[in-house]
Amino acid sequence: MKPPPFAYHAPTDLDEAVGLLAEAGEQGKILAGGQSLIPLLNMRLASPRVVVDINGVAGLDGIGTDSGGVRVGALVRHSQLEADTAAAEAVPLLRQGLRLVAHPVIRNRGTTVGSIAHADPAGEMPAVLALLDGAVEVRGPSGSRTVPAAAFTTGPMETALAPGEIAVAARFPQPAPGTGTAFVEIARRHGDYALCGAAAALTLDADGRVTAARCCLISAAPVPLVVDLTPDLSGTRALPGELDEAAAAAAERTDPEDDIHASAGYRRHLARVLTGRALARAAAASPAATAATAADTGATR
C-alpha cells in the first residue's frame, strides 16, 4: 500500500521545524527514523496532512555523558547509542534494552527518542526511561520544557506532547552506586514485539543486602508499568525465593489484555517469570555482588 497524500517539509533549523509543526497542529507528524511512522502511513493507519522531516536539523544527533547520566538527542540512532561505550558504562540498562529493540537493520535507522515518543506499550526504550526516572526535553511554540518519564506516556501510542511540540532529547539518569540492572523479554522471534518484558534495577549495600528494587513491565499494561519492589525486598539478600515472591507481587499489578498473540493470563504468567529473571540478573550485576564474588574466590585460593 501507499501512504495518503501529505505535504513534506525538511527544515534545517529547530525553530523552523517547531513553526511548521505548530501550523499543522494535530495534522502534523515528525519524521526522524521513520521506522514506526512509515509503516503506519503505508498501511494508512495514520493520515497526517503534513510531515516534518527533522533529519536536517543540526544539533539533535549528539550523545552526552556525565556524572548525572546520559543525554540522547532526537536524531541518535539506536545502533549509535548501543555502540557508545561511555553511555553503556554510565547507564548499562541502555545497551541491555537496545539489544532487544527490533532487528539490526531497524536499529540502524530508528531513533531512541522517536521510540519513546511513539509510546508503544511493547517498546523497550520507554520502559528504560521510566525505570530510571528519566525525562524528555520538549521544544514547542511556547518554548522549552522538561517532562518526567512518569508523566510523558499517557496511554498506548499517546504522550504528553502538545500539538506543535517536538521531543528533542531524552535524559537517562545514572543508577545509584551498587545498582545492577537487567532487561529480559519473550517474543515469538528475537526482534519481534515482546509478548512481555521486564527491566529491573536492584541496589545492594556493601553487605550484599537490598536497599532498593524496581521493575518495569512492557506489554503488560497500557503504559510502561513501574513497580517499586523495595518494600518487598529491602534488607534481604536477594535469594531466589525472595525474588520469586517479589516477582509475584509485581505480576499482580499488571493489566494485560487478550489478543491473537497471547492471553491475558499467559502474559501475567510471563510477567512473574520474567520479573524474577530480571531481578536475579540485576542482583548478579550489582557491583556489590561482583565484589563479594571476587572476595569469596580469593578466600578459597
Protein backbone atom coordinates (compact mmCIF):
# COMPACT_ATOMS: atom_id res chain seq x y z
CA MET A 1 0.00 0.00 0.00
CA LYS A 2 1.00 3.62 -0.44
CA PRO A 3 0.56 6.46 2.04
CA PRO A 4 -2.16 9.08 1.63
CA PRO A 5 -1.01 12.43 0.21
CA PHE A 6 0.72 14.85 2.57
CA ALA A 7 2.84 18.00 2.45
CA TYR A 8 6.51 17.29 3.12
CA HIS A 9 8.87 19.77 4.79
CA ALA A 10 12.58 19.36 5.57
CA PRO A 11 13.65 22.26 7.79
CA THR A 12 17.26 22.81 8.81
CA ASP A 13 16.52 24.80 11.96
CA LEU A 14 14.70 23.65 15.11
CA ASP A 15 12.61 26.81 15.41
CA GLU A 16 11.54 26.39 11.78
CA ALA A 17 10.56 22.79 12.49
CA VAL A 18 8.52 23.85 15.53
CA GLY A 19 6.79 26.55 13.48
CA LEU A 20 5.84 24.13 10.71
CA LEU A 21 4.55 21.57 13.18
CA ALA A 22 2.61 24.20 15.14
CA GLU A 23 1.00 25.43 11.94
CA ALA A 24 -0.08 21.89 11.10
CA GLY A 25 -1.50 21.31 14.58
CA GLU A 26 -2.88 17.82 15.13
CA GLN A 27 -2.49 17.13 11.41
CA GLY A 28 1.31 17.19 11.63
CA LYS A 29 3.81 14.37 12.21
CA ILE A 30 7.55 14.38 12.84
CA LEU A 31 9.82 12.17 10.75
CA ALA A 32 13.11 11.17 12.41
CA GLY A 33 13.95 7.48 11.96
CA GLY A 34 10.62 6.66 10.37
CA GLN A 35 10.61 3.01 11.44
CA SER A 36 7.20 3.41 13.06
CA LEU A 37 5.73 6.29 11.08
CA ILE A 38 6.39 4.97 7.56
CA PRO A 39 4.63 1.61 8.12
CA LEU A 40 1.69 3.45 9.68
CA LEU A 41 1.50 5.72 6.64
CA ASN A 42 1.79 2.85 4.17
CA MET A 43 -0.97 0.91 5.93
CA ARG A 44 -3.00 4.13 6.16
CA LEU A 45 -3.29 3.80 9.91
CA ALA A 46 -2.04 7.39 10.08
CA SER A 47 -3.10 10.15 7.69
CA PRO A 48 -1.27 13.38 8.57
CA ARG A 49 -1.61 16.30 6.20
CA VAL A 50 1.92 17.47 6.99
CA VAL A 51 5.15 15.54 7.63
CA VAL A 52 8.09 17.49 9.06
CA ASP A 53 11.42 15.73 8.45
CA ILE A 54 13.89 16.83 11.13
CA ASN A 55 16.87 14.85 9.85
CA GLY A 56 18.45 18.03 8.53
CA VAL A 57 18.15 19.92 11.82
CA ALA A 58 21.57 20.48 13.37
CA GLY A 59 22.35 19.69 16.99
CA LEU A 60 19.93 16.80 17.53
CA ASP A 61 22.32 13.90 16.90
CA GLY A 62 24.54 14.08 19.99
CA ILE A 63 25.09 11.73 22.93
CA GLY A 64 26.25 13.45 26.11
CA THR A 65 27.52 11.52 29.13
CA ASP A 66 28.44 12.98 32.50
CA SER A 67 28.21 12.12 36.20
CA GLY A 68 24.44 12.63 36.08
CA GLY A 69 23.76 10.15 33.29
CA VAL A 70 23.25 10.18 29.53
CA ARG A 71 21.51 12.73 27.31
CA VAL A 72 20.37 11.40 23.93
CA GLY A 73 19.40 13.73 21.08
CA ALA A 74 16.33 13.20 18.92
CA LEU A 75 18.32 12.01 15.88
CA VAL A 76 20.55 9.50 17.67
CA ARG A 77 20.03 6.08 16.09
CA HIS A 78 19.53 3.01 18.27
CA SER A 79 22.70 1.44 16.87
CA GLN A 80 24.71 4.59 17.54
CA LEU A 81 23.65 4.64 21.18
CA GLU A 82 24.12 0.89 21.54
CA ALA A 83 27.74 1.22 20.36
CA ASP A 84 28.55 4.17 22.64
CA THR A 85 30.90 2.79 25.32
CA ALA A 86 30.66 5.80 27.64
CA ALA A 87 26.86 5.65 27.63
CA ALA A 88 26.85 1.90 28.31
CA GLU A 89 29.26 2.30 31.23
CA ALA A 90 27.26 5.13 32.77
CA VAL A 91 23.83 3.55 32.23
CA PRO A 92 24.20 -0.18 31.42
CA LEU A 93 20.44 -0.58 31.05
CA LEU A 94 20.58 1.43 27.82
CA ARG A 95 22.59 -1.21 25.96
CA GLN A 96 20.69 -4.02 27.69
CA GLY A 97 17.41 -2.65 26.37
CA LEU A 98 18.67 -1.58 22.94
CA ARG A 99 19.87 -5.09 22.11
CA LEU A 100 16.25 -6.21 22.31
CA VAL A 101 14.87 -3.49 20.02
CA ALA A 102 13.68 -4.97 16.71
CA HIS A 103 16.43 -6.10 14.32
CA PRO A 104 19.85 -4.57 13.47
CA VAL A 105 18.54 -3.03 10.23
CA ILE A 106 15.79 -1.27 12.17
CA ARG A 107 18.22 -0.12 14.86
CA ASN A 108 20.48 1.37 12.19
CA ARG A 109 17.77 3.84 11.23
CA GLY A 110 15.34 4.05 14.14
CA THR A 111 15.87 6.66 16.83
CA THR A 112 15.72 6.15 20.58
CA VAL A 113 13.82 9.37 21.26
CA GLY A 114 11.44 8.54 18.41
CA SER A 115 10.72 5.18 20.02
CA ILE A 116 9.93 6.93 23.30
CA ALA A 117 7.66 9.43 21.54
CA HIS A 118 5.90 6.59 19.69
CA ALA A 119 4.87 5.21 23.12
CA ASP A 120 4.21 1.63 22.08
CA PRO A 121 3.24 -0.42 25.18
CA ALA A 122 5.65 -3.12 23.91
CA GLY A 123 8.54 -0.69 23.41
CA GLU A 124 11.77 -1.27 25.31
CA MET A 125 13.10 2.29 25.41
CA PRO A 126 10.05 3.88 27.05
CA ALA A 127 10.47 1.23 29.78
CA VAL A 128 14.16 2.04 30.23
CA LEU A 129 13.35 5.73 30.59
CA ALA A 130 10.51 5.01 33.03
CA LEU A 131 12.51 2.62 35.22
CA LEU A 132 15.36 5.12 35.56
CA ASP A 133 13.02 8.05 36.29
CA GLY A 134 14.33 9.83 33.24
CA ALA A 135 12.84 12.78 31.39
CA VAL A 136 12.09 14.08 27.91
CA GLU A 137 13.18 17.54 26.77
CA VAL A 138 10.49 19.19 24.68
CA ARG A 139 10.53 22.26 22.41
CA GLY A 140 7.33 23.93 21.28
CA PRO A 141 5.82 27.25 20.25
CA SER A 142 5.81 28.39 23.89
CA GLY A 143 9.46 27.47 24.48
CA SER A 144 11.20 24.55 26.16
CA ARG A 145 10.08 22.28 28.98
CA THR A 146 11.10 19.00 30.58
CA VAL A 147 8.57 16.23 31.10
CA PRO A 148 9.32 13.45 33.63
CA ALA A 149 9.05 9.94 32.23
CA ALA A 150 6.18 9.14 34.62
CA ALA A 151 4.10 11.91 33.04
CA PHE A 152 5.27 11.58 29.43
CA THR A 153 3.47 8.41 28.30
CA THR A 154 -0.23 8.92 28.91
CA GLY A 155 -1.63 5.84 27.12
CA PRO A 156 -0.99 3.41 24.27
CA MET A 157 0.66 5.47 21.49
CA GLU A 158 -0.19 8.64 23.44
CA THR A 159 2.13 11.14 25.11
CA ALA A 160 2.08 14.49 26.88
CA LEU A 161 3.35 16.22 23.72
CA ALA A 162 1.01 19.04 22.73
CA PRO A 163 0.36 19.96 19.08
CA GLY A 164 3.44 21.73 17.74
CA GLU A 165 5.82 20.23 20.30
CA ILE A 166 8.88 18.14 19.43
CA ALA A 167 10.75 15.73 21.72
CA VAL A 168 14.32 16.97 21.22
CA ALA A 169 16.17 14.77 23.71
CA ALA A 170 15.81 12.16 26.45
CA ARG A 171 17.79 12.07 29.68
CA PHE A 172 18.63 8.77 31.35
CA PRO A 173 19.93 9.20 34.94
CA GLN A 174 22.88 7.15 36.14
CA PRO A 175 21.76 4.50 38.65
CA ALA A 176 22.80 4.80 42.28
CA PRO A 177 26.08 3.19 43.38
CA GLY A 178 25.72 -0.53 43.98
CA THR A 179 22.93 -0.89 41.41
CA GLY A 180 22.73 -3.72 38.90
CA THR A 181 20.28 -3.72 36.01
CA ALA A 182 18.86 -6.20 33.51
CA PHE A 183 16.26 -6.42 30.74
CA VAL A 184 14.66 -9.68 29.59
CA GLU A 185 11.69 -10.40 27.35
CA ILE A 186 9.85 -13.12 25.47
CA ALA A 187 8.98 -12.74 21.78
CA ARG A 188 8.00 -15.26 19.11
CA ARG A 189 11.25 -14.41 17.35
CA HIS A 190 14.11 -12.23 18.52
CA GLY A 191 13.35 -8.71 17.41
CA ASP A 192 9.58 -9.18 17.24
CA TYR A 193 7.29 -7.25 19.55
CA ALA A 194 7.58 -8.66 23.05
CA LEU A 195 4.73 -10.75 24.40
CA CYS A 196 6.02 -9.50 27.74
CA GLY A 197 9.23 -7.97 29.02
CA ALA A 198 10.76 -6.91 32.31
CA ALA A 199 13.51 -4.46 33.16
CA ALA A 200 14.87 -4.41 36.70
CA ALA A 201 17.16 -2.27 38.84
CA LEU A 202 18.36 -3.63 42.17
CA THR A 203 20.71 -1.89 44.60
CA LEU A 204 22.83 -3.78 47.14
CA ASP A 205 24.84 -2.36 50.03
CA ALA A 206 28.37 -3.43 50.91
CA ASP A 207 26.98 -6.39 52.89
CA GLY A 208 25.01 -7.65 49.90
CA ARG A 209 21.60 -6.64 51.22
CA VAL A 210 18.97 -4.97 49.09
CA THR A 211 18.42 -1.26 49.67
CA ALA A 212 16.25 -0.52 46.61
CA ALA A 213 14.47 -2.55 43.92
CA ARG A 214 12.26 -1.62 40.98
CA CYS A 215 10.98 -3.27 37.86
CA CYS A 216 9.24 -2.05 34.72
CA LEU A 217 7.00 -4.31 32.65
CA ILE A 218 6.11 -3.95 28.97
CA SER A 219 3.18 -5.49 27.06
CA ALA A 220 1.51 -5.89 30.43
CA ALA A 221 -0.34 -2.59 30.79
CA PRO A 222 -1.35 0.40 28.63
CA VAL A 223 1.89 2.20 29.57
CA PRO A 224 5.26 1.01 30.92
CA LEU A 225 4.37 -0.36 34.35
CA VAL A 226 6.91 0.62 37.01
CA VAL A 227 6.62 -1.28 40.29
CA ASP A 228 8.60 -0.34 43.39
CA LEU A 229 9.66 -3.62 45.00
CA THR A 230 11.75 -2.04 47.73
CA PRO A 231 9.14 -2.82 50.43
CA ASP A 232 9.22 -6.48 49.34
CA LEU A 233 12.99 -6.88 49.16
CA SER A 234 14.59 -4.29 51.44
CA GLY A 235 17.09 -5.92 53.80
CA THR A 236 17.04 -9.27 52.02
CA ARG A 237 19.98 -10.89 50.25
CA ALA A 238 18.03 -11.29 47.01
CA LEU A 239 17.80 -15.05 47.34
CA PRO A 240 15.75 -16.95 44.73
CA GLY A 241 12.72 -17.45 46.96
CA GLU A 242 12.70 -13.78 47.96
CA LEU A 243 12.93 -12.65 44.35
CA ASP A 244 10.13 -15.03 43.33
CA GLU A 245 7.80 -13.54 45.95
CA ALA A 246 8.60 -10.01 44.76
CA ALA A 247 8.06 -11.04 41.15
CA ALA A 248 4.65 -12.46 42.01
CA ALA A 249 3.74 -9.16 43.68
CA ALA A 250 4.76 -7.28 40.53
CA ALA A 251 2.70 -9.58 38.29
CA GLU A 252 -0.39 -8.88 40.37
CA ARG A 253 -0.10 -5.22 39.35
CA THR A 254 -0.30 -5.94 35.63
CA ASP A 255 -3.31 -5.25 33.43
CA PRO A 256 -2.71 -7.26 30.23
CA GLU A 257 -5.26 -7.90 27.51
CA ASP A 258 -6.11 -10.92 25.41
CA ASP A 259 -5.10 -10.69 21.75
CA ILE A 260 -4.23 -13.00 18.86
CA HIS A 261 -0.71 -13.49 20.22
CA ALA A 262 -1.33 -14.36 23.88
CA SER A 263 -3.99 -14.47 26.54
CA ALA A 264 -4.03 -12.07 29.46
CA GLY A 265 -3.36 -14.97 31.81
CA TYR A 266 -0.30 -16.06 29.85
CA ARG A 267 1.08 -12.51 29.84
CA ARG A 268 0.57 -12.28 33.60
CA HIS A 269 2.44 -15.56 33.98
CA LEU A 270 5.27 -14.19 31.83
CA ALA A 271 5.34 -11.02 33.92
CA ARG A 272 6.04 -13.08 37.05
CA VAL A 273 8.65 -15.31 35.45
CA LEU A 274 10.47 -12.53 33.61
CA THR A 275 10.48 -10.20 36.60
CA GLY A 276 12.11 -12.93 38.66
CA ARG A 277 14.76 -13.48 35.98
CA ALA A 278 15.42 -9.76 35.59
CA LEU A 279 15.77 -9.25 39.34
CA ALA A 280 18.19 -12.19 39.62
CA ARG A 281 20.34 -10.87 36.77
CA ALA A 282 20.26 -7.36 38.19
CA ALA A 283 21.38 -8.65 41.59
CA ALA A 284 24.24 -10.57 39.97
CA ALA A 285 25.26 -7.46 38.01
CA SER A 286 25.44 -5.24 41.10
CA PRO A 287 29.00 -4.09 41.85
CA ALA A 288 28.45 -5.22 45.44
CA ALA A 289 27.67 -8.76 44.28
CA THR A 290 30.66 -8.74 41.96
CA ALA A 291 32.94 -7.62 44.78
CA ALA A 292 31.58 -10.28 47.11
CA THR A 293 32.16 -12.98 44.46
CA ALA A 294 35.72 -11.78 43.94
CA ALA A 295 36.36 -11.83 47.70
CA ASP A 296 34.96 -15.35 48.02
CA THR A 297 37.12 -16.53 45.12
CA GLY A 298 40.22 -15.03 46.71
CA ALA A 299 39.44 -16.63 50.07
CA THR A 300 39.27 -20.10 48.57
CA ARG A 301 42.61 -19.92 46.79
